[in-house]
mmCIF file of all heavy atoms, coordinates in Angstrom:
data_MODEL
# 
_entry.id   MODEL 
# 
loop_
_atom_site.group_PDB 
_atom_site.id 
_atom_site.type_symbol 
_atom_site.label_atom_id 
_atom_site.label_alt_id 
_atom_site.label_comp_id 
_atom_site.label_asym_id 
_atom_site.label_entity_id 
_atom_site.label_seq_id 
_atom_site.pdbx_PDB_ins_code 
_atom_site.Cartn_x 
_atom_site.Cartn_y 
_atom_site.Cartn_z 
_atom_site.occupancy 
_atom_site.B_iso_or_equiv 
_atom_site.pdbx_formal_charge 
_atom_site.auth_seq_id 
_atom_site.auth_comp_id 
_atom_site.auth_asym_id 
_atom_site.auth_atom_id 
_atom_site.pdbx_PDB_model_num 
ATOM 1   N N   . ALA A 1 1  ? 24.179 39.309 45.583 1.00 0.00 ? 1  ALA A N   1 
ATOM 2   C CA  . ALA A 1 1  ? 24.821 38.822 44.360 1.00 0.00 ? 1  ALA A CA  1 
ATOM 3   C C   . ALA A 1 1  ? 24.888 37.303 44.356 1.00 0.00 ? 1  ALA A C   1 
ATOM 4   O O   . ALA A 1 1  ? 24.686 36.658 43.316 1.00 0.00 ? 1  ALA A O   1 
ATOM 5   C CB  . ALA A 1 1  ? 26.219 39.427 44.227 1.00 0.00 ? 1  ALA A CB  1 
ATOM 6   N N   . ALA A 1 2  ? 25.162 36.706 45.520 1.00 0.00 ? 2  ALA A N   1 
ATOM 7   C CA  . ALA A 1 2  ? 25.225 35.245 45.616 1.00 0.00 ? 2  ALA A CA  1 
ATOM 8   C C   . ALA A 1 2  ? 23.872 34.618 45.294 1.00 0.00 ? 2  ALA A C   1 
ATOM 9   O O   . ALA A 1 2  ? 23.797 33.546 44.675 1.00 0.00 ? 2  ALA A O   1 
ATOM 10  C CB  . ALA A 1 2  ? 25.699 34.832 47.007 1.00 0.00 ? 2  ALA A CB  1 
ATOM 11  N N   . GLU A 1 3  ? 22.802 35.274 45.694 1.00 0.00 ? 3  GLU A N   1 
ATOM 12  C CA  . GLU A 1 3  ? 21.465 34.769 45.385 1.00 0.00 ? 3  GLU A CA  1 
ATOM 13  C C   . GLU A 1 3  ? 21.197 34.813 43.884 1.00 0.00 ? 3  GLU A C   1 
ATOM 14  O O   . GLU A 1 3  ? 20.532 33.924 43.329 1.00 0.00 ? 3  GLU A O   1 
ATOM 15  C CB  . GLU A 1 3  ? 20.428 35.584 46.150 1.00 0.00 ? 3  GLU A CB  1 
ATOM 16  C CG  . GLU A 1 3  ? 20.451 35.310 47.658 1.00 0.00 ? 3  GLU A CG  1 
ATOM 17  C CD  . GLU A 1 3  ? 19.619 36.299 48.464 1.00 0.00 ? 3  GLU A CD  1 
ATOM 18  O OE1 . GLU A 1 3  ? 19.059 37.248 47.844 1.00 0.00 ? 3  GLU A OE1 1 
ATOM 19  O OE2 . GLU A 1 3  ? 19.558 36.154 49.688 1.00 0.00 ? 3  GLU A OE2 1 
ATOM 20  N N   . LEU A 1 4  ? 21.717 35.819 43.208 1.00 0.00 ? 4  LEU A N   1 
ATOM 21  C CA  . LEU A 1 4  ? 21.590 35.874 41.751 1.00 0.00 ? 4  LEU A CA  1 
ATOM 22  C C   . LEU A 1 4  ? 22.382 34.743 41.095 1.00 0.00 ? 4  LEU A C   1 
ATOM 23  O O   . LEU A 1 4  ? 21.945 34.182 40.080 1.00 0.00 ? 4  LEU A O   1 
ATOM 24  C CB  . LEU A 1 4  ? 22.073 37.226 41.228 1.00 0.00 ? 4  LEU A CB  1 
ATOM 25  C CG  . LEU A 1 4  ? 21.173 38.429 41.509 1.00 0.00 ? 4  LEU A CG  1 
ATOM 26  C CD1 . LEU A 1 4  ? 21.861 39.713 41.062 1.00 0.00 ? 4  LEU A CD1 1 
ATOM 27  C CD2 . LEU A 1 4  ? 19.833 38.279 40.812 1.00 0.00 ? 4  LEU A CD2 1 
ATOM 28  N N   . CYS A 1 5  ? 23.541 34.412 41.669 1.00 0.00 ? 5  CYS A N   1 
ATOM 29  C CA  . CYS A 1 5  ? 24.309 33.275 41.155 1.00 0.00 ? 5  CYS A CA  1 
ATOM 30  C C   . CYS A 1 5  ? 23.473 31.996 41.241 1.00 0.00 ? 5  CYS A C   1 
ATOM 31  O O   . CYS A 1 5  ? 23.424 31.200 40.286 1.00 0.00 ? 5  CYS A O   1 
ATOM 32  C CB  . CYS A 1 5  ? 25.605 33.109 41.935 1.00 0.00 ? 5  CYS A CB  1 
ATOM 33  S SG  . CYS A 1 5  ? 26.857 34.371 41.601 1.00 0.00 ? 5  CYS A SG  1 
ATOM 34  N N   . GLU A 1 6  ? 22.816 31.806 42.362 1.00 0.00 ? 6  GLU A N   1 
ATOM 35  C CA  . GLU A 1 6  ? 21.969 30.619 42.528 1.00 0.00 ? 6  GLU A CA  1 
ATOM 36  C C   . GLU A 1 6  ? 20.829 30.637 41.514 1.00 0.00 ? 6  GLU A C   1 
ATOM 37  O O   . GLU A 1 6  ? 20.506 29.608 40.902 1.00 0.00 ? 6  GLU A O   1 
ATOM 38  C CB  . GLU A 1 6  ? 21.424 30.563 43.947 1.00 0.00 ? 6  GLU A CB  1 
ATOM 39  C CG  . GLU A 1 6  ? 20.592 29.328 44.225 1.00 0.00 ? 6  GLU A CG  1 
ATOM 40  C CD  . GLU A 1 6  ? 20.135 29.248 45.672 1.00 0.00 ? 6  GLU A CD  1 
ATOM 41  O OE1 . GLU A 1 6  ? 20.423 30.173 46.450 1.00 0.00 ? 6  GLU A OE1 1 
ATOM 42  O OE2 . GLU A 1 6  ? 19.480 28.241 46.030 1.00 0.00 ? 6  GLU A OE2 1 
ATOM 43  N N   . LYS A 1 7  ? 20.233 31.784 41.312 1.00 0.00 ? 7  LYS A N   1 
ATOM 44  C CA  . LYS A 1 7  ? 19.126 31.920 40.363 1.00 0.00 ? 7  LYS A CA  1 
ATOM 45  C C   . LYS A 1 7  ? 19.548 31.492 38.960 1.00 0.00 ? 7  LYS A C   1 
ATOM 46  O O   . LYS A 1 7  ? 18.761 30.858 38.234 1.00 0.00 ? 7  LYS A O   1 
ATOM 47  C CB  . LYS A 1 7  ? 18.647 33.374 40.356 1.00 0.00 ? 7  LYS A CB  1 
ATOM 48  C CG  . LYS A 1 7  ? 17.625 33.701 39.274 1.00 0.00 ? 7  LYS A CG  1 
ATOM 49  C CD  . LYS A 1 7  ? 17.267 35.184 39.299 1.00 0.00 ? 7  LYS A CD  1 
ATOM 50  C CE  . LYS A 1 7  ? 16.361 35.566 38.131 1.00 0.00 ? 7  LYS A CE  1 
ATOM 51  N NZ  . LYS A 1 7  ? 16.039 37.020 38.134 1.00 0.00 ? 7  LYS A NZ  1 
ATOM 52  N N   . HIS A 1 8  ? 20.781 31.821 38.578 1.00 0.00 ? 8  HIS A N   1 
ATOM 53  C CA  . HIS A 1 8  ? 21.242 31.544 37.220 1.00 0.00 ? 8  HIS A CA  1 
ATOM 54  C C   . HIS A 1 8  ? 22.118 30.289 37.134 1.00 0.00 ? 8  HIS A C   1 
ATOM 55  O O   . HIS A 1 8  ? 22.763 30.061 36.109 1.00 0.00 ? 8  HIS A O   1 
ATOM 56  C CB  . HIS A 1 8  ? 21.993 32.757 36.672 1.00 0.00 ? 8  HIS A CB  1 
ATOM 57  C CG  . HIS A 1 8  ? 21.107 33.935 36.401 1.00 0.00 ? 8  HIS A CG  1 
ATOM 58  N ND1 . HIS A 1 8  ? 20.321 34.032 35.280 1.00 0.00 ? 8  HIS A ND1 1 
ATOM 59  C CD2 . HIS A 1 8  ? 20.867 35.057 37.140 1.00 0.00 ? 8  HIS A CD2 1 
ATOM 60  C CE1 . HIS A 1 8  ? 19.636 35.168 35.327 1.00 0.00 ? 8  HIS A CE1 1 
ATOM 61  N NE2 . HIS A 1 8  ? 19.953 35.813 36.435 1.00 0.00 ? 8  HIS A NE2 1 
ATOM 62  N N   . GLY A 1 9  ? 22.127 29.488 38.192 1.00 0.00 ? 9  GLY A N   1 
ATOM 63  C CA  . GLY A 1 9  ? 22.843 28.224 38.153 1.00 0.00 ? 9  GLY A CA  1 
ATOM 64  C C   . GLY A 1 9  ? 24.355 28.359 38.128 1.00 0.00 ? 9  GLY A C   1 
ATOM 65  O O   . GLY A 1 9  ? 25.039 27.497 37.581 1.00 0.00 ? 9  GLY A O   1 
ATOM 66  N N   . ARG A 1 10 ? 24.873 29.438 38.726 1.00 0.00 ? 10 ARG A N   1 
ATOM 67  C CA  . ARG A 1 10 ? 26.312 29.666 38.763 1.00 0.00 ? 10 ARG A CA  1 
ATOM 68  C C   . ARG A 1 10 ? 26.797 29.530 40.202 1.00 0.00 ? 10 ARG A C   1 
ATOM 69  O O   . ARG A 1 10 ? 26.393 30.287 41.081 1.00 0.00 ? 10 ARG A O   1 
ATOM 70  C CB  . ARG A 1 10 ? 26.673 31.086 38.278 1.00 0.00 ? 10 ARG A CB  1 
ATOM 71  C CG  . ARG A 1 10 ? 26.186 31.454 36.915 1.00 0.00 ? 10 ARG A CG  1 
ATOM 72  C CD  . ARG A 1 10 ? 27.197 31.381 35.817 1.00 0.00 ? 10 ARG A CD  1 
ATOM 73  N NE  . ARG A 1 10 ? 28.563 31.655 36.076 1.00 0.00 ? 10 ARG A NE  1 
ATOM 74  C CZ  . ARG A 1 10 ? 29.174 32.825 35.850 1.00 0.00 ? 10 ARG A CZ  1 
ATOM 75  N NH1 . ARG A 1 10 ? 28.498 33.863 35.400 1.00 0.00 ? 10 ARG A NH1 1 
ATOM 76  N NH2 . ARG A 1 10 ? 30.469 32.941 36.048 1.00 0.00 ? 10 ARG A NH2 1 
ATOM 77  N N   . PRO A 1 11 ? 27.692 28.591 40.486 1.00 0.00 ? 11 PRO A N   1 
ATOM 78  C CA  . PRO A 1 11 ? 28.256 28.534 41.827 1.00 0.00 ? 11 PRO A CA  1 
ATOM 79  C C   . PRO A 1 11 ? 29.114 29.766 42.108 1.00 0.00 ? 11 PRO A C   1 
ATOM 80  O O   . PRO A 1 11 ? 29.758 30.308 41.198 1.00 0.00 ? 11 PRO A O   1 
ATOM 81  C CB  . PRO A 1 11 ? 29.106 27.262 41.810 1.00 0.00 ? 11 PRO A CB  1 
ATOM 82  C CG  . PRO A 1 11 ? 29.411 27.018 40.375 1.00 0.00 ? 11 PRO A CG  1 
ATOM 83  C CD  . PRO A 1 11 ? 28.250 27.553 39.596 1.00 0.00 ? 11 PRO A CD  1 
ATOM 84  N N   . VAL A 1 12 ? 29.092 30.219 43.344 1.00 0.00 ? 12 VAL A N   1 
ATOM 85  C CA  . VAL A 1 12 ? 29.955 31.321 43.756 1.00 0.00 ? 12 VAL A CA  1 
ATOM 86  C C   . VAL A 1 12 ? 31.380 30.792 43.890 1.00 0.00 ? 12 VAL A C   1 
ATOM 87  O O   . VAL A 1 12 ? 31.624 29.799 44.572 1.00 0.00 ? 12 VAL A O   1 
ATOM 88  C CB  . VAL A 1 12 ? 29.480 31.920 45.092 1.00 0.00 ? 12 VAL A CB  1 
ATOM 89  C CG1 . VAL A 1 12 ? 30.459 32.984 45.583 1.00 0.00 ? 12 VAL A CG1 1 
ATOM 90  C CG2 . VAL A 1 12 ? 28.079 32.510 44.939 1.00 0.00 ? 12 VAL A CG2 1 
ATOM 91  N N   . ALA A 1 13 ? 32.328 31.429 43.224 1.00 0.00 ? 13 ALA A N   1 
ATOM 92  C CA  . ALA A 1 13 ? 33.716 30.967 43.243 1.00 0.00 ? 13 ALA A CA  1 
ATOM 93  C C   . ALA A 1 13 ? 34.315 31.099 44.641 1.00 0.00 ? 13 ALA A C   1 
ATOM 94  O O   . ALA A 1 13 ? 34.181 32.142 45.287 1.00 0.00 ? 13 ALA A O   1 
ATOM 95  C CB  . ALA A 1 13 ? 34.551 31.760 42.250 1.00 0.00 ? 13 ALA A CB  1 
ATOM 96  N N   . THR A 1 14 ? 34.971 30.060 45.090 1.00 0.00 ? 14 THR A N   1 
ATOM 97  C CA  . THR A 1 14 ? 35.759 30.150 46.316 1.00 0.00 ? 14 THR A CA  1 
ATOM 98  C C   . THR A 1 14 ? 37.017 30.958 46.028 1.00 0.00 ? 14 THR A C   1 
ATOM 99  O O   . THR A 1 14 ? 37.375 31.206 44.867 1.00 0.00 ? 14 THR A O   1 
ATOM 100 C CB  . THR A 1 14 ? 36.166 28.756 46.804 1.00 0.00 ? 14 THR A CB  1 
ATOM 101 O OG1 . THR A 1 14 ? 37.090 28.182 45.847 1.00 0.00 ? 14 THR A OG1 1 
ATOM 102 C CG2 . THR A 1 14 ? 34.950 27.846 46.946 1.00 0.00 ? 14 THR A CG2 1 
ATOM 103 N N   . TRP A 1 15 ? 37.724 31.342 47.079 1.00 0.00 ? 15 TRP A N   1 
ATOM 104 C CA  . TRP A 1 15 ? 38.951 32.107 46.842 1.00 0.00 ? 15 TRP A CA  1 
ATOM 105 C C   . TRP A 1 15 ? 39.977 31.273 46.080 1.00 0.00 ? 15 TRP A C   1 
ATOM 106 O O   . TRP A 1 15 ? 40.703 31.806 45.242 1.00 0.00 ? 15 TRP A O   1 
ATOM 107 C CB  . TRP A 1 15 ? 39.520 32.647 48.149 1.00 0.00 ? 15 TRP A CB  1 
ATOM 108 C CG  . TRP A 1 15 ? 39.993 31.624 49.167 1.00 0.00 ? 15 TRP A CG  1 
ATOM 109 C CD1 . TRP A 1 15 ? 39.293 31.159 50.238 1.00 0.00 ? 15 TRP A CD1 1 
ATOM 110 C CD2 . TRP A 1 15 ? 41.270 30.967 49.201 1.00 0.00 ? 15 TRP A CD2 1 
ATOM 111 N NE1 . TRP A 1 15 ? 40.043 30.251 50.946 1.00 0.00 ? 15 TRP A NE1 1 
ATOM 112 C CE2 . TRP A 1 15 ? 41.269 30.128 50.339 1.00 0.00 ? 15 TRP A CE2 1 
ATOM 113 C CE3 . TRP A 1 15 ? 42.412 31.011 48.409 1.00 0.00 ? 15 TRP A CE3 1 
ATOM 114 C CZ2 . TRP A 1 15 ? 42.363 29.329 50.682 1.00 0.00 ? 15 TRP A CZ2 1 
ATOM 115 C CZ3 . TRP A 1 15 ? 43.503 30.226 48.747 1.00 0.00 ? 15 TRP A CZ3 1 
ATOM 116 C CH2 . TRP A 1 15 ? 43.477 29.401 49.872 1.00 0.00 ? 15 TRP A CH2 1 
ATOM 117 N N   . ARG A 1 16 ? 39.994 29.974 46.319 1.00 0.00 ? 16 ARG A N   1 
ATOM 118 C CA  . ARG A 1 16 ? 40.930 29.110 45.584 1.00 0.00 ? 16 ARG A CA  1 
ATOM 119 C C   . ARG A 1 16 ? 40.565 29.071 44.093 1.00 0.00 ? 16 ARG A C   1 
ATOM 120 O O   . ARG A 1 16 ? 41.434 29.157 43.223 1.00 0.00 ? 16 ARG A O   1 
ATOM 121 C CB  . ARG A 1 16 ? 40.930 27.694 46.163 1.00 0.00 ? 16 ARG A CB  1 
ATOM 122 C CG  . ARG A 1 16 ? 41.702 27.549 47.461 1.00 0.00 ? 16 ARG A CG  1 
ATOM 123 C CD  . ARG A 1 16 ? 41.901 26.082 47.822 1.00 0.00 ? 16 ARG A CD  1 
ATOM 124 N NE  . ARG A 1 16 ? 42.770 25.940 48.972 1.00 0.00 ? 16 ARG A NE  1 
ATOM 125 C CZ  . ARG A 1 16 ? 42.351 25.945 50.241 1.00 0.00 ? 16 ARG A CZ  1 
ATOM 126 N NH1 . ARG A 1 16 ? 41.052 26.089 50.504 1.00 0.00 ? 16 ARG A NH1 1 
ATOM 127 N NH2 . ARG A 1 16 ? 43.206 25.816 51.229 1.00 0.00 ? 16 ARG A NH2 1 
ATOM 128 N N   . GLN A 1 17 ? 39.278 28.915 43.812 1.00 0.00 ? 17 GLN A N   1 
ATOM 129 C CA  . GLN A 1 17 ? 38.842 28.915 42.419 1.00 0.00 ? 17 GLN A CA  1 
ATOM 130 C C   . GLN A 1 17 ? 39.126 30.260 41.764 1.00 0.00 ? 17 GLN A C   1 
ATOM 131 O O   . GLN A 1 17 ? 39.561 30.318 40.612 1.00 0.00 ? 17 GLN A O   1 
ATOM 132 C CB  . GLN A 1 17 ? 37.351 28.586 42.340 1.00 0.00 ? 17 GLN A CB  1 
ATOM 133 C CG  . GLN A 1 17 ? 37.013 27.146 42.679 1.00 0.00 ? 17 GLN A CG  1 
ATOM 134 C CD  . GLN A 1 17 ? 35.510 26.916 42.764 1.00 0.00 ? 17 GLN A CD  1 
ATOM 135 O OE1 . GLN A 1 17 ? 34.765 27.752 43.299 1.00 0.00 ? 17 GLN A OE1 1 
ATOM 136 N NE2 . GLN A 1 17 ? 35.053 25.786 42.247 1.00 0.00 ? 17 GLN A NE2 1 
ATOM 137 N N   . ALA A 1 18 ? 38.888 31.338 42.485 1.00 0.00 ? 18 ALA A N   1 
ATOM 138 C CA  . ALA A 1 18 ? 39.122 32.673 41.930 1.00 0.00 ? 18 ALA A CA  1 
ATOM 139 C C   . ALA A 1 18 ? 40.593 32.868 41.595 1.00 0.00 ? 18 ALA A C   1 
ATOM 140 O O   . ALA A 1 18 ? 40.933 33.412 40.529 1.00 0.00 ? 18 ALA A O   1 
ATOM 141 C CB  . ALA A 1 18 ? 38.652 33.742 42.909 1.00 0.00 ? 18 ALA A CB  1 
ATOM 142 N N   . ARG A 1 19 ? 41.469 32.415 42.458 1.00 0.00 ? 19 ARG A N   1 
ATOM 143 C CA  . ARG A 1 19 ? 42.907 32.533 42.183 1.00 0.00 ? 19 ARG A CA  1 
ATOM 144 C C   . ARG A 1 19 ? 43.287 31.723 40.949 1.00 0.00 ? 19 ARG A C   1 
ATOM 145 O O   . ARG A 1 19 ? 44.102 32.170 40.128 1.00 0.00 ? 19 ARG A O   1 
ATOM 146 C CB  . ARG A 1 19 ? 43.714 32.091 43.404 1.00 0.00 ? 19 ARG A CB  1 
ATOM 147 C CG  . ARG A 1 19 ? 43.709 33.108 44.528 1.00 0.00 ? 19 ARG A CG  1 
ATOM 148 C CD  . ARG A 1 19 ? 44.532 32.674 45.744 1.00 0.00 ? 19 ARG A CD  1 
ATOM 149 N NE  . ARG A 1 19 ? 44.553 33.732 46.735 1.00 0.00 ? 19 ARG A NE  1 
ATOM 150 C CZ  . ARG A 1 19 ? 45.421 34.742 46.755 1.00 0.00 ? 19 ARG A CZ  1 
ATOM 151 N NH1 . ARG A 1 19 ? 46.375 34.790 45.819 1.00 0.00 ? 19 ARG A NH1 1 
ATOM 152 N NH2 . ARG A 1 19 ? 45.359 35.683 47.662 1.00 0.00 ? 19 ARG A NH2 1 
ATOM 153 N N   . GLN A 1 20 ? 42.709 30.560 40.813 1.00 0.00 ? 20 GLN A N   1 
ATOM 154 C CA  . GLN A 1 20 ? 43.013 29.730 39.653 1.00 0.00 ? 20 GLN A CA  1 
ATOM 155 C C   . GLN A 1 20 ? 42.482 30.375 38.376 1.00 0.00 ? 20 GLN A C   1 
ATOM 156 O O   . GLN A 1 20 ? 43.177 30.428 37.346 1.00 0.00 ? 20 GLN A O   1 
ATOM 157 C CB  . GLN A 1 20 ? 42.423 28.341 39.841 1.00 0.00 ? 20 GLN A CB  1 
ATOM 158 C CG  . GLN A 1 20 ? 42.741 27.375 38.702 1.00 0.00 ? 20 GLN A CG  1 
ATOM 159 C CD  . GLN A 1 20 ? 42.201 25.970 38.970 1.00 0.00 ? 20 GLN A CD  1 
ATOM 160 O OE1 . GLN A 1 20 ? 41.208 25.806 39.685 1.00 0.00 ? 20 GLN A OE1 1 
ATOM 161 N NE2 . GLN A 1 20 ? 42.827 24.987 38.375 1.00 0.00 ? 20 GLN A NE2 1 
ATOM 162 N N   . ILE A 1 21 ? 41.249 30.867 38.408 1.00 0.00 ? 21 ILE A N   1 
ATOM 163 C CA  . ILE A 1 21 ? 40.648 31.503 37.238 1.00 0.00 ? 21 ILE A CA  1 
ATOM 164 C C   . ILE A 1 21 ? 41.466 32.696 36.776 1.00 0.00 ? 21 ILE A C   1 
ATOM 165 O O   . ILE A 1 21 ? 41.665 32.924 35.571 1.00 0.00 ? 21 ILE A O   1 
ATOM 166 C CB  . ILE A 1 21 ? 39.190 31.915 37.551 1.00 0.00 ? 21 ILE A CB  1 
ATOM 167 C CG1 . ILE A 1 21 ? 38.293 30.677 37.712 1.00 0.00 ? 21 ILE A CG1 1 
ATOM 168 C CG2 . ILE A 1 21 ? 38.634 32.829 36.461 1.00 0.00 ? 21 ILE A CG2 1 
ATOM 169 C CD1 . ILE A 1 21 ? 36.950 30.984 38.341 1.00 0.00 ? 21 ILE A CD1 1 
ATOM 170 N N   . LEU A 1 22 ? 41.963 33.476 37.737 1.00 0.00 ? 22 LEU A N   1 
ATOM 171 C CA  . LEU A 1 22 ? 42.674 34.713 37.410 1.00 0.00 ? 22 LEU A CA  1 
ATOM 172 C C   . LEU A 1 22 ? 44.180 34.521 37.264 1.00 0.00 ? 22 LEU A C   1 
ATOM 173 O O   . LEU A 1 22 ? 44.905 35.462 36.948 1.00 0.00 ? 22 LEU A O   1 
ATOM 174 C CB  . LEU A 1 22 ? 42.396 35.767 38.488 1.00 0.00 ? 22 LEU A CB  1 
ATOM 175 C CG  . LEU A 1 22 ? 40.936 36.215 38.599 1.00 0.00 ? 22 LEU A CG  1 
ATOM 176 C CD1 . LEU A 1 22 ? 40.746 37.144 39.797 1.00 0.00 ? 22 LEU A CD1 1 
ATOM 177 C CD2 . LEU A 1 22 ? 40.477 36.882 37.318 1.00 0.00 ? 22 LEU A CD2 1 
ATOM 178 N N   . GLY A 1 23 ? 44.653 33.291 37.476 1.00 0.00 ? 23 GLY A N   1 
ATOM 179 C CA  . GLY A 1 23 ? 46.076 33.014 37.314 1.00 0.00 ? 23 GLY A CA  1 
ATOM 180 C C   . GLY A 1 23 ? 46.938 33.649 38.381 1.00 0.00 ? 23 GLY A C   1 
ATOM 181 O O   . GLY A 1 23 ? 48.086 34.044 38.123 1.00 0.00 ? 23 GLY A O   1 
ATOM 182 N N   . LEU A 1 24 ? 46.421 33.738 39.592 1.00 0.00 ? 24 LEU A N   1 
ATOM 183 C CA  . LEU A 1 24 ? 47.162 34.342 40.695 1.00 0.00 ? 24 LEU A CA  1 
ATOM 184 C C   . LEU A 1 24 ? 47.936 33.297 41.481 1.00 0.00 ? 24 LEU A C   1 
ATOM 185 O O   . LEU A 1 24 ? 47.569 32.124 41.509 1.00 0.00 ? 24 LEU A O   1 
ATOM 186 C CB  . LEU A 1 24 ? 46.206 35.086 41.633 1.00 0.00 ? 24 LEU A CB  1 
ATOM 187 C CG  . LEU A 1 24 ? 45.414 36.228 41.012 1.00 0.00 ? 24 LEU A CG  1 
ATOM 188 C CD1 . LEU A 1 24 ? 44.425 36.784 42.020 1.00 0.00 ? 24 LEU A CD1 1 
ATOM 189 C CD2 . LEU A 1 24 ? 46.340 37.321 40.508 1.00 0.00 ? 24 LEU A CD2 1 
ATOM 190 N N   . ARG A 1 25 ? 48.973 33.762 42.158 1.00 0.00 ? 25 ARG A N   1 
ATOM 191 C CA  . ARG A 1 25 ? 49.763 32.866 42.989 1.00 0.00 ? 25 ARG A CA  1 
ATOM 192 C C   . ARG A 1 25 ? 48.913 32.275 44.104 1.00 0.00 ? 25 ARG A C   1 
ATOM 193 O O   . ARG A 1 25 ? 48.038 32.950 44.654 1.00 0.00 ? 25 ARG A O   1 
ATOM 194 C CB  . ARG A 1 25 ? 50.970 33.599 43.583 1.00 0.00 ? 25 ARG A CB  1 
ATOM 195 C CG  . ARG A 1 25 ? 50.620 34.871 44.359 1.00 0.00 ? 25 ARG A CG  1 
ATOM 196 C CD  . ARG A 1 25 ? 51.878 35.617 44.785 1.00 0.00 ? 25 ARG A CD  1 
ATOM 197 N NE  . ARG A 1 25 ? 51.572 36.875 45.456 1.00 0.00 ? 25 ARG A NE  1 
ATOM 198 C CZ  . ARG A 1 25 ? 51.495 38.054 44.858 1.00 0.00 ? 25 ARG A CZ  1 
ATOM 199 N NH1 . ARG A 1 25 ? 51.711 38.131 43.552 1.00 0.00 ? 25 ARG A NH1 1 
ATOM 200 N NH2 . ARG A 1 25 ? 51.224 39.155 45.535 1.00 0.00 ? 25 ARG A NH2 1 
ATOM 201 N N   . ASP A 1 26 ? 49.150 31.030 44.403 1.00 0.00 ? 26 ASP A N   1 
ATOM 202 C CA  . ASP A 1 26 ? 48.412 30.365 45.457 1.00 0.00 ? 26 ASP A CA  1 
ATOM 203 C C   . ASP A 1 26 ? 48.989 30.779 46.800 1.00 0.00 ? 26 ASP A C   1 
ATOM 204 O O   . ASP A 1 26 ? 50.112 31.262 46.898 1.00 0.00 ? 26 ASP A O   1 
ATOM 205 C CB  . ASP A 1 26 ? 48.509 28.833 45.295 1.00 0.00 ? 26 ASP A CB  1 
ATOM 206 C CG  . ASP A 1 26 ? 47.417 28.108 46.050 1.00 0.00 ? 26 ASP A CG  1 
ATOM 207 O OD1 . ASP A 1 26 ? 46.560 28.788 46.654 1.00 0.00 ? 26 ASP A OD1 1 
ATOM 208 O OD2 . ASP A 1 26 ? 47.422 26.864 46.049 1.00 0.00 ? 26 ASP A OD2 1 
# 
């Protein structure tokens, strides 16, 4: 899946980014 992200120019979200995107507690 990460390779597909690279193919389509999408960085793989870090856990910190994922928490921010989803509005979760840090």
